[in-house]
Amino acid sequence: EEADDAIRRHCREPKPLQAFEADRRRRNQQLEALGEPTIGLAEVAGARLYTGPCFIKYNAVLRGLCSPHVPFLVQAMERLTKGNTYTTTLHVIGSAVLELGKLTVANKIYRGVARKSLPKEFEAPNEYNVRGGIEYGFMSCSMDKEVALKYATDDPGKGAILLEMQMGMIDRGADLAWVSQYPHEREYLFAPLTGIEVLSHRVEEDLLV
């Protein structure tokens, strides 16, 4: 029964845009104090849409268009979107991330990856002595390590990876918890083409960190 209650608490709830107006105004006041552009209802709507199932379609477009030489990504885009590139939606999500990220404190952030292995570019330094890569889509992370661990260990024994990243002066994700369909995940969203550089790694039992 307790487990059922926990599941129910984490279910999505329909909310009108007006439900986020007080939070939007509060963040706009902070942005104005910094001399930065504010966010409108379009950005709120786009950010909320991203936190639900639609993120799969949006990232399929970004990865497919950025990787015309990768048949798997192109086919996934075509299958999931039926030719819709969600141009306006992607732009307002990007705008929300750009502006809201300016309010983020540069803390440590986590991303869980299950059933995957790291590409070779993450394993050994290249000729420029760097390891890492570029995420063509938006990149969701969480300030809550336990949430990221849950995603990483979704299928035990199948390539559990936890990305442990330190935000800095330039790269800071946008806090979407206040507008999220799943606020308990404490989601922070990074813009497309975020660069990820590997500084170190370790193994904790069956988890690569």
N, C-alpha and C. Protein backbone atom coordinates (compact mmCIF):
# COMPACT_ATOMS: atom_id res chain seq x y z
N GLU A 1 0.83 -1.21 0.00
CA GLU A 1 0.00 0.00 0.00
C GLU A 1 0.86 1.26 0.00
N GLU A 2 1.95 1.25 0.79
CA GLU A 2 2.84 2.39 0.82
C GLU A 2 3.48 2.61 -0.54
N ALA A 3 3.85 1.52 -1.21
CA ALA A 3 4.44 1.63 -2.55
C ALA A 3 3.44 2.23 -3.52
N ASP A 4 2.18 1.81 -3.42
CA ASP A 4 1.15 2.36 -4.29
C ASP A 4 0.96 3.85 -4.06
N ASP A 5 1.01 4.27 -2.79
CA ASP A 5 0.88 5.69 -2.47
C ASP A 5 2.02 6.49 -3.08
N ALA A 6 3.24 5.92 -3.02
CA ALA A 6 4.41 6.60 -3.58
C ALA A 6 4.26 6.76 -5.08
N ILE A 7 3.77 5.71 -5.74
CA ILE A 7 3.57 5.77 -7.18
C ILE A 7 2.54 6.83 -7.54
N ARG A 8 1.44 6.86 -6.77
CA ARG A 8 0.39 7.85 -7.04
C ARG A 8 0.90 9.27 -6.85
N ARG A 9 1.75 9.48 -5.85
CA ARG A 9 2.29 10.82 -5.61
C ARG A 9 3.16 11.29 -6.76
N HIS A 10 3.75 10.34 -7.48
CA HIS A 10 4.65 10.68 -8.57
C HIS A 10 3.98 10.69 -9.94
N CYS A 11 2.68 10.44 -9.96
CA CYS A 11 1.96 10.46 -11.24
C CYS A 11 1.80 11.90 -11.73
N ARG A 12 1.70 12.05 -13.05
CA ARG A 12 1.48 13.37 -13.62
C ARG A 12 0.09 13.90 -13.27
N GLU A 13 0.00 15.22 -13.12
CA GLU A 13 -1.27 15.88 -12.86
C GLU A 13 -1.47 16.99 -13.89
N PRO A 14 -2.65 17.03 -14.52
CA PRO A 14 -2.91 18.13 -15.47
C PRO A 14 -3.00 19.46 -14.73
N LYS A 15 -2.34 20.48 -15.28
CA LYS A 15 -2.36 21.80 -14.67
C LYS A 15 -2.46 22.86 -15.77
N PRO A 16 -3.26 23.91 -15.56
CA PRO A 16 -3.30 25.00 -16.54
C PRO A 16 -2.04 25.85 -16.42
N LEU A 17 -1.71 26.59 -17.47
CA LEU A 17 -0.52 27.44 -17.44
C LEU A 17 -0.59 28.46 -16.30
N GLN A 18 -1.82 28.87 -15.95
CA GLN A 18 -1.96 29.86 -14.89
C GLN A 18 -1.40 29.34 -13.55
N ALA A 19 -1.32 28.03 -13.40
CA ALA A 19 -0.82 27.46 -12.16
C ALA A 19 0.66 27.77 -11.93
N PHE A 20 1.36 28.14 -13.00
CA PHE A 20 2.79 28.42 -12.90
C PHE A 20 3.10 29.91 -12.93
N GLU A 21 2.05 30.74 -12.93
CA GLU A 21 2.25 32.17 -13.12
C GLU A 21 3.04 32.81 -11.99
N ALA A 22 2.74 32.44 -10.75
CA ALA A 22 3.48 33.04 -9.63
C ALA A 22 4.96 32.69 -9.69
N ASP A 23 5.27 31.43 -10.00
CA ASP A 23 6.67 31.03 -10.13
C ASP A 23 7.34 31.73 -11.30
N ARG A 24 6.60 31.87 -12.40
CA ARG A 24 7.19 32.56 -13.56
C ARG A 24 7.52 34.00 -13.22
N ARG A 25 6.61 34.69 -12.55
CA ARG A 25 6.86 36.09 -12.18
C ARG A 25 8.05 36.22 -11.24
N ARG A 26 8.15 35.28 -10.31
CA ARG A 26 9.27 35.32 -9.36
C ARG A 26 10.60 35.16 -10.09
N ARG A 27 10.66 34.24 -11.02
CA ARG A 27 11.90 34.04 -11.78
C ARG A 27 12.18 35.21 -12.72
N ASN A 28 11.13 35.80 -13.26
CA ASN A 28 11.33 36.97 -14.11
C ASN A 28 11.87 38.15 -13.32
N GLN A 29 11.46 38.30 -12.07
CA GLN A 29 12.01 39.35 -11.22
C GLN A 29 13.50 39.14 -10.99
N GLN A 30 13.88 37.89 -10.81
CA GLN A 30 15.31 37.58 -10.63
C GLN A 30 16.09 37.88 -11.91
N LEU A 31 15.51 37.53 -13.06
CA LEU A 31 16.17 37.79 -14.33
C LEU A 31 16.29 39.29 -14.59
N GLU A 32 15.23 40.03 -14.29
CA GLU A 32 15.27 41.48 -14.48
C GLU A 32 16.34 42.12 -13.61
N ALA A 33 16.50 41.60 -12.39
CA ALA A 33 17.53 42.12 -11.49
C ALA A 33 18.93 41.90 -12.05
N LEU A 34 19.06 40.86 -12.87
CA LEU A 34 20.36 40.57 -13.52
C LEU A 34 20.51 41.29 -14.84
N GLY A 35 19.45 41.99 -15.27
CA GLY A 35 19.48 42.66 -16.56
C GLY A 35 19.31 41.71 -17.73
N GLU A 36 18.65 40.58 -17.49
CA GLU A 36 18.48 39.54 -18.51
C GLU A 36 17.03 39.51 -19.02
N PRO A 37 16.83 38.98 -20.23
CA PRO A 37 15.46 38.83 -20.75
C PRO A 37 14.64 37.89 -19.88
N THR A 38 13.35 38.10 -19.85
CA THR A 38 12.45 37.27 -19.05
C THR A 38 11.85 36.16 -19.90
N ILE A 39 11.12 35.24 -19.25
CA ILE A 39 10.47 34.15 -19.98
C ILE A 39 8.96 34.40 -20.02
N GLY A 40 8.34 33.98 -21.12
CA GLY A 40 6.91 34.14 -21.30
C GLY A 40 6.18 32.82 -21.12
N LEU A 41 4.88 32.87 -21.36
CA LEU A 41 4.07 31.65 -21.22
C LEU A 41 4.48 30.59 -22.23
N ALA A 42 4.96 31.01 -23.40
CA ALA A 42 5.40 30.03 -24.41
C ALA A 42 6.55 29.19 -23.88
N GLU A 43 7.50 29.84 -23.21
CA GLU A 43 8.63 29.10 -22.64
C GLU A 43 8.17 28.16 -21.53
N VAL A 44 7.21 28.61 -20.73
CA VAL A 44 6.68 27.75 -19.67
C VAL A 44 6.02 26.51 -20.28
N ALA A 45 5.21 26.73 -21.32
CA ALA A 45 4.52 25.61 -21.97
C ALA A 45 5.53 24.65 -22.59
N GLY A 46 6.53 25.19 -23.27
CA GLY A 46 7.53 24.33 -23.91
C GLY A 46 8.32 23.53 -22.90
N ALA A 47 8.74 24.18 -21.81
CA ALA A 47 9.51 23.48 -20.78
C ALA A 47 8.69 22.37 -20.15
N ARG A 48 7.41 22.64 -19.88
CA ARG A 48 6.57 21.60 -19.28
C ARG A 48 6.37 20.44 -20.24
N LEU A 49 6.15 20.73 -21.51
CA LEU A 49 6.00 19.65 -22.49
C LEU A 49 7.24 18.76 -22.52
N TYR A 50 8.42 19.39 -22.44
CA TYR A 50 9.65 18.60 -22.51
C TYR A 50 9.77 17.61 -21.37
N THR A 51 9.26 17.95 -20.20
CA THR A 51 9.43 17.08 -19.03
C THR A 51 8.54 15.84 -19.07
N GLY A 52 7.67 15.73 -20.06
CA GLY A 52 6.83 14.55 -20.23
C GLY A 52 7.33 13.69 -21.37
N PRO A 53 6.50 12.80 -21.88
CA PRO A 53 6.91 11.84 -22.92
C PRO A 53 7.37 12.48 -24.22
N CYS A 54 6.95 13.74 -24.48
CA CYS A 54 7.31 14.38 -25.75
C CYS A 54 8.81 14.60 -25.92
N PHE A 55 9.56 14.54 -24.82
CA PHE A 55 11.01 14.76 -24.95
C PHE A 55 11.64 13.77 -25.93
N ILE A 56 11.05 12.60 -26.04
CA ILE A 56 11.60 11.59 -26.95
C ILE A 56 11.55 12.10 -28.39
N LYS A 57 10.43 12.70 -28.76
CA LYS A 57 10.27 13.24 -30.12
C LYS A 57 11.21 14.42 -30.35
N TYR A 58 11.28 15.32 -29.39
CA TYR A 58 12.12 16.51 -29.56
C TYR A 58 13.59 16.14 -29.74
N ASN A 59 14.08 15.23 -28.91
CA ASN A 59 15.48 14.84 -29.02
C ASN A 59 15.74 14.00 -30.26
N ALA A 60 14.73 13.25 -30.70
CA ALA A 60 14.88 12.48 -31.94
C ALA A 60 15.13 13.42 -33.12
N VAL A 61 14.43 14.56 -33.14
CA VAL A 61 14.63 15.54 -34.20
C VAL A 61 16.05 16.11 -34.14
N LEU A 62 16.45 16.55 -32.98
CA LEU A 62 17.77 17.18 -32.83
C LEU A 62 18.90 16.22 -33.18
N ARG A 63 18.79 14.98 -32.72
CA ARG A 63 19.85 14.01 -32.99
C ARG A 63 19.83 13.56 -34.44
N GLY A 64 18.64 13.41 -35.01
CA GLY A 64 18.54 12.98 -36.39
C GLY A 64 19.05 14.03 -37.36
N LEU A 65 18.68 15.29 -37.16
CA LEU A 65 19.11 16.36 -38.06
C LEU A 65 20.60 16.63 -37.93
N CYS A 66 21.16 16.42 -36.74
CA CYS A 66 22.59 16.67 -36.53
C CYS A 66 23.45 15.49 -36.96
N SER A 67 22.81 14.35 -37.26
CA SER A 67 23.58 13.14 -37.58
C SER A 67 23.05 12.47 -38.86
N PRO A 68 23.05 13.20 -39.99
CA PRO A 68 22.52 12.61 -41.23
C PRO A 68 23.29 11.38 -41.69
N HIS A 69 24.51 11.20 -41.15
CA HIS A 69 25.34 10.07 -41.53
C HIS A 69 25.14 8.86 -40.63
N VAL A 70 24.22 8.97 -39.65
CA VAL A 70 23.96 7.87 -38.73
C VAL A 70 22.55 7.34 -38.99
N PRO A 71 22.42 6.27 -39.77
CA PRO A 71 21.09 5.77 -40.16
C PRO A 71 20.16 5.52 -38.99
N PHE A 72 20.68 4.98 -37.89
CA PHE A 72 19.83 4.67 -36.74
C PHE A 72 19.12 5.91 -36.23
N LEU A 73 19.85 7.03 -36.10
CA LEU A 73 19.26 8.26 -35.57
C LEU A 73 18.28 8.88 -36.57
N VAL A 74 18.61 8.82 -37.84
CA VAL A 74 17.72 9.36 -38.87
C VAL A 74 16.42 8.55 -38.92
N GLN A 75 16.54 7.25 -38.87
CA GLN A 75 15.35 6.38 -38.90
C GLN A 75 14.48 6.59 -37.67
N ALA A 76 15.11 6.78 -36.51
CA ALA A 76 14.34 7.03 -35.29
C ALA A 76 13.57 8.34 -35.40
N MET A 77 14.21 9.36 -35.96
CA MET A 77 13.54 10.64 -36.16
C MET A 77 12.33 10.49 -37.08
N GLU A 78 12.52 9.80 -38.20
CA GLU A 78 11.44 9.63 -39.16
C GLU A 78 10.29 8.83 -38.57
N ARG A 79 10.61 7.81 -37.80
CA ARG A 79 9.57 6.95 -37.22
C ARG A 79 8.76 7.68 -36.15
N LEU A 80 9.44 8.48 -35.34
CA LEU A 80 8.78 9.11 -34.20
C LEU A 80 8.06 10.41 -34.53
N THR A 81 8.49 11.09 -35.58
CA THR A 81 7.97 12.45 -35.82
C THR A 81 7.10 12.58 -37.06
N LYS A 82 7.18 11.60 -37.98
CA LYS A 82 6.37 11.66 -39.20
C LYS A 82 6.56 12.98 -39.96
N GLY A 83 7.78 13.49 -39.94
CA GLY A 83 8.09 14.70 -40.70
C GLY A 83 7.91 16.00 -39.93
N ASN A 84 7.38 15.94 -38.71
CA ASN A 84 7.22 17.15 -37.90
C ASN A 84 8.52 17.43 -37.17
N THR A 85 9.12 18.59 -37.42
CA THR A 85 10.39 18.91 -36.77
C THR A 85 10.21 19.80 -35.53
N TYR A 86 8.98 20.09 -35.15
CA TYR A 86 8.69 20.80 -33.90
C TYR A 86 9.54 22.07 -33.74
N THR A 87 9.69 22.80 -34.83
CA THR A 87 10.62 23.93 -34.85
C THR A 87 10.31 24.97 -33.78
N THR A 88 9.05 25.40 -33.69
CA THR A 88 8.70 26.44 -32.71
C THR A 88 8.87 25.93 -31.29
N THR A 89 8.43 24.70 -31.04
CA THR A 89 8.53 24.13 -29.69
C THR A 89 9.98 24.03 -29.25
N LEU A 90 10.85 23.56 -30.14
CA LEU A 90 12.27 23.44 -29.80
C LEU A 90 12.89 24.80 -29.50
N HIS A 91 12.46 25.81 -30.24
CA HIS A 91 13.01 27.14 -29.99
C HIS A 91 12.57 27.69 -28.63
N VAL A 92 11.31 27.49 -28.25
CA VAL A 92 10.88 28.05 -26.96
C VAL A 92 11.48 27.25 -25.79
N ILE A 93 11.68 25.95 -25.98
CA ILE A 93 12.36 25.17 -24.93
C ILE A 93 13.79 25.67 -24.78
N GLY A 94 14.46 25.87 -25.91
CA GLY A 94 15.82 26.39 -25.87
C GLY A 94 15.91 27.75 -25.20
N SER A 95 14.92 28.60 -25.47
CA SER A 95 14.88 29.92 -24.85
C SER A 95 14.71 29.80 -23.34
N ALA A 96 13.83 28.90 -22.91
CA ALA A 96 13.63 28.70 -21.47
C ALA A 96 14.91 28.23 -20.79
N VAL A 97 15.61 27.29 -21.43
CA VAL A 97 16.85 26.76 -20.86
C VAL A 97 17.91 27.86 -20.78
N LEU A 98 18.01 28.64 -21.83
CA LEU A 98 19.02 29.70 -21.88
C LEU A 98 18.81 30.72 -20.77
N GLU A 99 17.55 31.15 -20.57
CA GLU A 99 17.30 32.19 -19.58
C GLU A 99 17.29 31.63 -18.16
N LEU A 100 16.59 30.53 -17.94
CA LEU A 100 16.50 29.98 -16.58
C LEU A 100 17.86 29.48 -16.08
N GLY A 101 18.72 29.05 -16.99
CA GLY A 101 20.04 28.58 -16.58
C GLY A 101 20.87 29.66 -15.91
N LYS A 102 20.53 30.93 -16.19
CA LYS A 102 21.27 32.03 -15.58
C LYS A 102 20.97 32.18 -14.09
N LEU A 103 19.92 31.51 -13.63
CA LEU A 103 19.54 31.57 -12.22
C LEU A 103 20.07 30.38 -11.42
N THR A 104 20.73 29.45 -12.10
CA THR A 104 21.17 28.21 -11.46
C THR A 104 22.49 28.39 -10.71
N VAL A 105 22.54 27.87 -9.50
CA VAL A 105 23.79 27.82 -8.74
C VAL A 105 24.62 26.65 -9.26
N ALA A 106 25.90 26.86 -9.48
CA ALA A 106 26.76 25.85 -10.11
C ALA A 106 27.12 24.74 -9.13
N ASN A 107 26.20 23.80 -8.96
CA ASN A 107 26.41 22.65 -8.09
C ASN A 107 26.75 21.41 -8.91
N LYS A 108 26.91 20.29 -8.22
CA LYS A 108 27.14 19.02 -8.89
C LYS A 108 25.80 18.48 -9.38
N ILE A 109 25.81 17.83 -10.52
CA ILE A 109 24.60 17.33 -11.18
C ILE A 109 24.83 15.89 -11.62
N TYR A 110 23.74 15.12 -11.79
CA TYR A 110 23.89 13.70 -12.10
C TYR A 110 22.96 13.30 -13.26
N ARG A 111 23.45 12.34 -14.04
CA ARG A 111 22.64 11.77 -15.12
C ARG A 111 22.85 10.26 -15.15
N GLY A 112 21.77 9.51 -15.07
CA GLY A 112 21.87 8.06 -15.12
C GLY A 112 21.62 7.52 -16.51
N VAL A 113 22.43 6.56 -16.92
CA VAL A 113 22.31 5.94 -18.25
C VAL A 113 22.30 4.43 -18.08
N ALA A 114 21.27 3.78 -18.59
CA ALA A 114 21.15 2.32 -18.46
C ALA A 114 21.26 1.65 -19.82
N ARG A 115 21.73 0.40 -19.80
CA ARG A 115 21.79 -0.44 -21.01
C ARG A 115 22.64 0.19 -22.11
N LYS A 116 23.69 0.87 -21.73
CA LYS A 116 24.56 1.51 -22.70
C LYS A 116 26.02 1.31 -22.30
N SER A 117 26.91 1.49 -23.27
CA SER A 117 28.34 1.53 -22.98
C SER A 117 28.87 2.85 -23.52
N LEU A 118 29.93 3.35 -22.92
CA LEU A 118 30.48 4.63 -23.36
C LEU A 118 31.19 4.48 -24.70
N PRO A 119 31.07 5.47 -25.59
CA PRO A 119 31.82 5.43 -26.85
C PRO A 119 33.31 5.55 -26.59
N LYS A 120 34.09 5.13 -27.56
CA LYS A 120 35.54 5.12 -27.38
C LYS A 120 36.10 6.50 -27.09
N GLU A 121 35.40 7.55 -27.56
CA GLU A 121 35.87 8.92 -27.33
C GLU A 121 35.85 9.29 -25.86
N PHE A 122 35.10 8.53 -25.05
CA PHE A 122 35.05 8.80 -23.61
C PHE A 122 36.09 7.99 -22.85
N GLU A 123 36.72 7.04 -23.50
CA GLU A 123 37.61 6.12 -22.79
C GLU A 123 39.07 6.57 -22.79
N ALA A 124 39.55 7.07 -23.93
CA ALA A 124 40.96 7.44 -24.04
C ALA A 124 41.09 8.84 -24.63
N PRO A 125 42.05 9.63 -24.16
CA PRO A 125 42.25 10.98 -24.70
C PRO A 125 42.60 10.93 -26.19
N ASN A 126 42.09 11.92 -26.93
CA ASN A 126 42.41 11.99 -28.36
C ASN A 126 43.73 12.75 -28.55
N GLU A 127 44.02 13.13 -29.80
CA GLU A 127 45.29 13.80 -30.08
C GLU A 127 45.41 15.16 -29.41
N TYR A 128 44.27 15.71 -28.94
CA TYR A 128 44.29 16.99 -28.23
C TYR A 128 44.23 16.80 -26.70
N ASN A 129 44.38 15.55 -26.28
CA ASN A 129 44.42 15.18 -24.86
C ASN A 129 43.10 15.46 -24.14
N VAL A 130 41.99 15.26 -24.82
CA VAL A 130 40.68 15.41 -24.18
C VAL A 130 39.84 14.16 -24.44
N ARG A 131 38.95 13.88 -23.50
CA ARG A 131 37.99 12.78 -23.63
C ARG A 131 36.59 13.34 -23.47
N GLY A 132 35.68 12.84 -24.30
CA GLY A 132 34.30 13.30 -24.16
C GLY A 132 33.59 13.39 -25.49
N GLY A 133 32.52 14.19 -25.51
CA GLY A 133 31.74 14.31 -26.73
C GLY A 133 30.67 15.38 -26.59
N ILE A 134 29.80 15.44 -27.59
CA ILE A 134 28.74 16.44 -27.67
C ILE A 134 27.38 15.74 -27.67
N GLU A 135 26.46 16.23 -26.86
CA GLU A 135 25.08 15.75 -26.88
C GLU A 135 24.28 16.62 -27.84
N TYR A 136 23.79 16.03 -28.92
CA TYR A 136 23.05 16.82 -29.92
C TYR A 136 21.67 17.23 -29.43
N GLY A 137 21.08 16.45 -28.55
CA GLY A 137 19.76 16.78 -28.03
C GLY A 137 19.85 17.57 -26.74
N PHE A 138 18.70 17.89 -26.16
CA PHE A 138 18.69 18.42 -24.79
C PHE A 138 19.18 17.34 -23.85
N MET A 139 19.79 17.73 -22.75
CA MET A 139 20.32 16.75 -21.81
C MET A 139 19.70 16.95 -20.43
N SER A 140 18.93 15.96 -19.99
CA SER A 140 18.28 16.02 -18.69
C SER A 140 19.19 15.44 -17.61
N CYS A 141 19.28 16.15 -16.50
CA CYS A 141 20.05 15.69 -15.35
C CYS A 141 19.21 15.94 -14.10
N SER A 142 19.72 15.50 -12.97
CA SER A 142 19.02 15.72 -11.71
C SER A 142 20.01 16.17 -10.64
N MET A 143 19.53 17.05 -9.76
CA MET A 143 20.33 17.43 -8.62
C MET A 143 20.30 16.33 -7.56
N ASP A 144 19.35 15.41 -7.71
CA ASP A 144 19.18 14.31 -6.77
C ASP A 144 19.90 13.07 -7.29
N LYS A 145 20.97 12.68 -6.65
CA LYS A 145 21.76 11.54 -7.09
C LYS A 145 20.94 10.26 -7.12
N GLU A 146 20.02 10.10 -6.16
CA GLU A 146 19.21 8.89 -6.09
C GLU A 146 18.30 8.75 -7.32
N VAL A 147 17.79 9.86 -7.81
CA VAL A 147 16.97 9.82 -9.02
C VAL A 147 17.80 9.33 -10.21
N ALA A 148 19.00 9.88 -10.35
CA ALA A 148 19.88 9.46 -11.45
C ALA A 148 20.27 7.99 -11.32
N LEU A 149 20.53 7.54 -10.10
CA LEU A 149 20.88 6.14 -9.87
C LEU A 149 19.73 5.22 -10.27
N LYS A 150 18.51 5.65 -10.03
CA LYS A 150 17.35 4.84 -10.41
C LYS A 150 17.30 4.64 -11.91
N TYR A 151 17.60 5.69 -12.67
CA TYR A 151 17.64 5.56 -14.12
C TYR A 151 18.81 4.67 -14.56
N ALA A 152 19.95 4.83 -13.91
CA ALA A 152 21.15 4.07 -14.29
C ALA A 152 20.98 2.59 -14.05
N THR A 153 20.26 2.23 -12.99
CA THR A 153 20.11 0.81 -12.61
C THR A 153 18.74 0.27 -12.99
N ASP A 154 18.14 0.88 -13.98
CA ASP A 154 16.80 0.46 -14.43
C ASP A 154 16.77 -1.00 -14.86
N ASP A 155 17.90 -1.48 -15.39
CA ASP A 155 18.00 -2.88 -15.82
C ASP A 155 19.30 -3.45 -15.25
N PRO A 156 19.28 -3.95 -14.02
CA PRO A 156 20.50 -4.40 -13.33
C PRO A 156 21.36 -5.32 -14.18
N GLY A 157 22.68 -5.04 -14.13
CA GLY A 157 23.62 -5.88 -14.87
C GLY A 157 23.76 -5.53 -16.33
N LYS A 158 23.08 -4.46 -16.77
CA LYS A 158 23.10 -4.10 -18.19
C LYS A 158 23.69 -2.71 -18.40
N GLY A 159 24.96 -2.55 -18.16
CA GLY A 159 25.66 -1.31 -18.49
C GLY A 159 25.17 -0.09 -17.74
N ALA A 160 25.23 -0.11 -16.42
CA ALA A 160 24.80 1.03 -15.60
C ALA A 160 25.89 2.09 -15.54
N ILE A 161 25.54 3.32 -15.93
CA ILE A 161 26.49 4.43 -15.95
C ILE A 161 25.88 5.62 -15.23
N LEU A 162 26.66 6.24 -14.36
CA LEU A 162 26.24 7.46 -13.68
C LEU A 162 27.21 8.57 -14.05
N LEU A 163 26.70 9.59 -14.74
CA LEU A 163 27.52 10.75 -15.06
C LEU A 163 27.42 11.73 -13.90
N GLU A 164 28.55 12.04 -13.32
CA GLU A 164 28.63 12.96 -12.18
C GLU A 164 29.36 14.21 -12.68
N MET A 165 28.62 15.30 -12.81
CA MET A 165 29.16 16.48 -13.49
C MET A 165 29.09 17.72 -12.61
N GLN A 166 30.09 18.55 -12.74
CA GLN A 166 30.14 19.80 -12.00
C GLN A 166 29.79 20.95 -12.94
N MET A 167 28.71 21.64 -12.64
CA MET A 167 28.37 22.82 -13.44
C MET A 167 29.37 23.93 -13.13
N GLY A 168 29.52 24.86 -14.07
CA GLY A 168 30.49 25.93 -13.90
C GLY A 168 29.95 27.28 -14.33
N MET A 169 30.83 28.21 -14.58
CA MET A 169 30.44 29.57 -14.94
C MET A 169 29.68 29.61 -16.27
N ILE A 170 30.09 28.76 -17.21
CA ILE A 170 29.50 28.80 -18.55
C ILE A 170 28.32 27.84 -18.68
N ASP A 171 28.53 26.59 -18.33
CA ASP A 171 27.51 25.56 -18.54
C ASP A 171 26.72 25.30 -17.28
N ARG A 172 25.48 25.81 -17.27
CA ARG A 172 24.59 25.58 -16.14
C ARG A 172 23.21 25.21 -16.67
N GLY A 173 22.67 24.12 -16.16
CA GLY A 173 21.36 23.68 -16.60
C GLY A 173 20.25 24.52 -16.00
N ALA A 174 19.07 24.45 -16.61
CA ALA A 174 17.91 25.18 -16.12
C ALA A 174 17.10 24.30 -15.18
N ASP A 175 16.75 24.84 -14.03
CA ASP A 175 15.92 24.13 -13.05
C ASP A 175 14.49 24.10 -13.57
N LEU A 176 13.98 22.89 -13.89
CA LEU A 176 12.61 22.76 -14.39
C LEU A 176 11.67 22.12 -13.38
N ALA A 177 12.13 21.90 -12.15
CA ALA A 177 11.29 21.22 -11.17
C ALA A 177 9.97 21.94 -10.95
N TRP A 178 9.99 23.26 -10.96
CA TRP A 178 8.79 24.05 -10.68
C TRP A 178 7.72 23.93 -11.76
N VAL A 179 8.14 23.55 -12.97
CA VAL A 179 7.21 23.45 -14.09
C VAL A 179 7.05 22.01 -14.58
N SER A 180 7.77 21.09 -13.96
CA SER A 180 7.86 19.72 -14.46
C SER A 180 6.58 18.91 -14.22
N GLN A 181 6.36 17.96 -15.12
CA GLN A 181 5.29 16.98 -14.93
C GLN A 181 5.69 15.96 -13.87
N TYR A 182 6.99 15.88 -13.58
CA TYR A 182 7.51 14.97 -12.54
C TYR A 182 8.44 15.77 -11.63
N PRO A 183 7.90 16.66 -10.80
CA PRO A 183 8.75 17.55 -10.00
C PRO A 183 9.69 16.83 -9.04
N HIS A 184 9.33 15.60 -8.62
CA HIS A 184 10.19 14.88 -7.67
C HIS A 184 11.54 14.51 -8.28
N GLU A 185 11.65 14.56 -9.61
CA GLU A 185 12.91 14.19 -10.25
C GLU A 185 13.95 15.32 -10.19
N ARG A 186 13.52 16.52 -9.80
CA ARG A 186 14.43 17.67 -9.67
C ARG A 186 15.27 17.84 -10.94
N GLU A 187 14.58 17.91 -12.05
CA GLU A 187 15.26 17.95 -13.35
C GLU A 187 15.93 19.29 -13.64
N TYR A 188 17.15 19.18 -14.13
CA TYR A 188 17.88 20.33 -14.67
C TYR A 188 18.17 20.00 -16.13
N LEU A 189 17.86 20.94 -17.02
CA LEU A 189 17.97 20.68 -18.45
C LEU A 189 19.06 21.53 -19.08
N PHE A 190 19.91 20.87 -19.87
CA PHE A 190 20.96 21.55 -20.61
C PHE A 190 20.57 21.68 -22.08
N ALA A 191 21.06 22.72 -22.72
CA ALA A 191 20.72 22.99 -24.12
C ALA A 191 21.37 21.99 -25.05
N PRO A 192 20.85 21.85 -26.27
CA PRO A 192 21.50 21.00 -27.27
C PRO A 192 22.94 21.44 -27.52
N LEU A 193 23.75 20.50 -27.93
CA LEU A 193 25.16 20.70 -28.23
C LEU A 193 25.99 20.99 -26.97
N THR A 194 25.53 20.46 -25.84
CA THR A 194 26.32 20.56 -24.61
C THR A 194 27.55 19.65 -24.72
N GLY A 195 28.70 20.20 -24.39
CA GLY A 195 29.93 19.41 -24.42
C GLY A 195 30.17 18.74 -23.07
N ILE A 196 30.55 17.47 -23.12
CA ILE A 196 30.85 16.70 -21.91
C ILE A 196 32.30 16.23 -21.98
N GLU A 197 33.12 16.67 -21.05
CA GLU A 197 34.52 16.25 -21.00
C GLU A 197 34.73 15.33 -19.80
N VAL A 198 35.33 14.18 -20.06
CA VAL A 198 35.61 13.22 -18.99
C VAL A 198 36.91 13.61 -18.29
N LEU A 199 36.83 13.82 -16.99
CA LEU A 199 38.02 14.16 -16.20
C LEU A 199 38.55 12.94 -15.46
N SER A 200 37.65 12.07 -15.00
CA SER A 200 38.06 10.87 -14.29
C SER A 200 36.90 9.90 -14.27
N HIS A 201 37.19 8.67 -13.87
CA HIS A 201 36.12 7.69 -13.73
C HIS A 201 36.51 6.69 -12.64
N ARG A 202 35.49 6.02 -12.10
CA ARG A 202 35.70 5.01 -11.08
C ARG A 202 34.58 3.99 -11.19
N VAL A 203 34.80 2.85 -10.57
CA VAL A 203 33.79 1.79 -10.57
C VAL A 203 33.32 1.56 -9.15
N GLU A 204 32.00 1.61 -8.96
CA GLU A 204 31.39 1.34 -7.65
C GLU A 204 30.47 0.14 -7.82
N GLU A 205 30.95 -1.04 -7.42
CA GLU A 205 30.24 -2.31 -7.60
C GLU A 205 29.95 -2.48 -9.10
N ASP A 206 28.66 -2.50 -9.50
CA ASP A 206 28.33 -2.71 -10.92
C ASP A 206 28.10 -1.39 -11.66
N LEU A 207 28.48 -0.28 -11.05
CA LEU A 207 28.20 1.04 -11.61
C LEU A 207 29.47 1.74 -12.05
N LEU A 208 29.47 2.24 -13.28
CA LEU A 208 30.58 3.07 -13.78
C LEU A 208 30.22 4.52 -13.54
N VAL A 209 31.08 5.22 -12.81
CA VAL A 209 30.83 6.63 -12.47
C VAL A 209 31.90 7.49 -13.13
